[in-house]
Amino acid sequence: MNNFLSIQPAIFCEPCKDCGARPVVEQSKNGYVVRCPNDKKHYKTKAGLVDITDWNLKNKTHMPFVASPKQKAS
């Protein structure tokens, strides 16, 4: 059985980009890991201190690039 620590709702966390779940903190032998609670194959941070900034950076959904139409000179 996995024991996860939930992250307080007041702390902003991006949802998992693969399944949309809110991340949890898991204790490993080398420190703490922020990871998806549903699947170990989804992105997780390196073991150490709780690194929510890295989680947010890697799971941020980026807006697709949309080229603006060309404007004619008047």
C-alpha atoms as a PDB file:
ATOM      1  CA  MET A   1       0.000   0.000   0.000  1.00  0.00           C
ATOM      2  CA  ASN A   2       1.370   3.415  -0.944  1.00  0.00           C
ATOM      3  CA  ASN A   3       1.309   6.179   1.617  1.00  0.00           C
ATOM      4  CA  PHE A   4       1.040   9.546  -0.065  1.00  0.00           C
ATOM      5  CA  LEU A   5       0.954  12.959   1.537  1.00  0.00           C
ATOM      6  CA  SER A   6      -1.589  15.269  -0.022  1.00  0.00           C
ATOM      7  CA  ILE A   7      -0.548  18.795  -0.928  1.00  0.00           C
ATOM      8  CA  GLN A   8      -2.604  21.507   0.738  1.00  0.00           C
ATOM      9  CA  PRO A   9      -5.296  22.990  -1.532  1.00  0.00           C
ATOM     10  CA  ALA A  10      -3.939  26.510  -0.897  1.00  0.00           C
ATOM     11  CA  ILE A  11      -0.694  25.583  -2.715  1.00  0.00           C
ATOM     12  CA  PHE A  12      -1.030  25.937  -6.486  1.00  0.00           C
ATOM     13  CA  CYS A  13      -0.108  22.772  -8.393  1.00  0.00           C
ATOM     14  CA  GLU A  14      -0.585  22.087 -12.075  1.00  0.00           C
ATOM     15  CA  PRO A  15      -2.569  18.891 -12.671  1.00  0.00           C
ATOM     16  CA  CYS A  16      -0.791  15.912 -14.220  1.00  0.00           C
ATOM     17  CA  LYS A  17      -0.533  16.560 -17.956  1.00  0.00           C
ATOM     18  CA  ASP A  18      -1.246  12.888 -18.712  1.00  0.00           C
ATOM     19  CA  CYS A  19      -4.327  12.189 -16.572  1.00  0.00           C
ATOM     20  CA  GLY A  20      -5.296  15.474 -14.874  1.00  0.00           C
ATOM     21  CA  ALA A  21      -4.806  14.290 -11.281  1.00  0.00           C
ATOM     22  CA  ARG A  22      -3.536  16.577  -8.523  1.00  0.00           C
ATOM     23  CA  PRO A  23       0.015  15.568  -7.519  1.00  0.00           C
ATOM     24  CA  VAL A  24       0.947  14.026  -4.194  1.00  0.00           C
ATOM     25  CA  VAL A  25       4.171  13.770  -2.201  1.00  0.00           C
ATOM     26  CA  GLU A  26       5.760  10.349  -1.726  1.00  0.00           C
ATOM     27  CA  GLN A  27       8.651   9.628   0.618  1.00  0.00           C
ATOM     28  CA  SER A  28      11.519   7.645  -0.883  1.00  0.00           C
ATOM     29  CA  LYS A  29      14.797   6.565   0.668  1.00  0.00           C
ATOM     30  CA  ASN A  30      16.560   9.616  -0.847  1.00  0.00           C
ATOM     31  CA  GLY A  31      13.984  12.251   0.086  1.00  0.00           C
ATOM     32  CA  TYR A  32      10.573  13.321  -1.154  1.00  0.00           C
ATOM     33  CA  VAL A  33       9.152  13.003  -4.664  1.00  0.00           C
ATOM     34  CA  VAL A  34       6.227  14.957  -6.133  1.00  0.00           C
ATOM     35  CA  ARG A  35       4.383  12.555  -8.430  1.00  0.00           C
ATOM     36  CA  CYS A  36       1.082  11.581  -9.988  1.00  0.00           C
ATOM     37  CA  PRO A  37      -0.990   9.414  -7.630  1.00  0.00           C
ATOM     38  CA  ASN A  38      -2.459   7.346 -10.480  1.00  0.00           C
ATOM     39  CA  ASP A  39       0.578   6.068 -12.389  1.00  0.00           C
ATOM     40  CA  LYS A  40       4.301   5.736 -11.577  1.00  0.00           C
ATOM     41  CA  LYS A  41       5.142   6.162 -15.276  1.00  0.00           C
ATOM     42  CA  HIS A  42       3.866   9.760 -15.346  1.00  0.00           C
ATOM     43  CA  TYR A  43       6.347  12.557 -14.620  1.00  0.00           C
ATOM     44  CA  LYS A  44       7.845  12.748 -11.123  1.00  0.00           C
ATOM     45  CA  THR A  45      10.409  15.097  -9.625  1.00  0.00           C
ATOM     46  CA  LYS A  46      13.875  14.042  -8.502  1.00  0.00           C
ATOM     47  CA  ALA A  47      14.156  12.762  -4.954  1.00  0.00           C
ATOM     48  CA  GLY A  48      15.089  15.437  -2.433  1.00  0.00           C
ATOM     49  CA  LEU A  49      13.102  18.337  -1.098  1.00  0.00           C
ATOM     50  CA  VAL A  50       9.490  18.802  -2.175  1.00  0.00           C
ATOM     51  CA  ASP A  51       9.925  20.564  -5.536  1.00  0.00           C
ATOM     52  CA  ILE A  52       6.500  21.798  -6.616  1.00  0.00           C
ATOM     53  CA  THR A  53       8.100  24.418  -8.891  1.00  0.00           C
ATOM     54  CA  ASP A  54       9.682  21.682 -11.026  1.00  0.00           C
ATOM     55  CA  TRP A  55       6.376  19.775 -11.116  1.00  0.00           C
ATOM     56  CA  ASN A  56       4.531  22.911 -12.282  1.00  0.00           C
ATOM     57  CA  LEU A  57       7.149  23.629 -14.939  1.00  0.00           C
ATOM     58  CA  LYS A  58       7.054  20.119 -16.428  1.00  0.00           C
ATOM     59  CA  ASN A  59       3.262  19.752 -16.289  1.00  0.00           C
ATOM     60  CA  LYS A  60       2.261  23.173 -17.558  1.00  0.00           C
ATOM     61  CA  THR A  61       0.029  22.986 -20.578  1.00  0.00           C
ATOM     62  CA  HIS A  62       1.332  25.400 -23.161  1.00  0.00           C
ATOM     63  CA  MET A  63      -0.949  27.274 -25.509  1.00  0.00           C
ATOM     64  CA  PRO A  64      -0.430  26.112 -29.105  1.00  0.00           C
ATOM     65  CA  PHE A  65       1.349  28.572 -31.359  1.00  0.00           C
ATOM     66  CA  VAL A  66      -1.079  30.352 -33.658  1.00  0.00           C
ATOM     67  CA  ALA A  67       0.363  32.603 -36.317  1.00  0.00           C
ATOM     68  CA  SER A  68      -1.515  35.866 -36.711  1.00  0.00           C
ATOM     69  CA  PRO A  69      -2.731  36.711 -40.197  1.00  0.00           C
ATOM     70  CA  LYS A  70      -0.508  38.990 -42.221  1.00  0.00           C
ATOM     71  CA  GLN A  71      -1.566  42.607 -42.308  1.00  0.00           C
ATOM     72  CA  LYS A  72      -1.352  44.699 -45.428  1.00  0.00           C
ATOM     73  CA  ALA A  73       0.453  47.991 -45.254  1.00  0.00           C
ATOM     74  CA  SER A  74      -1.792  50.971 -45.857  1.00  0.00           C
END
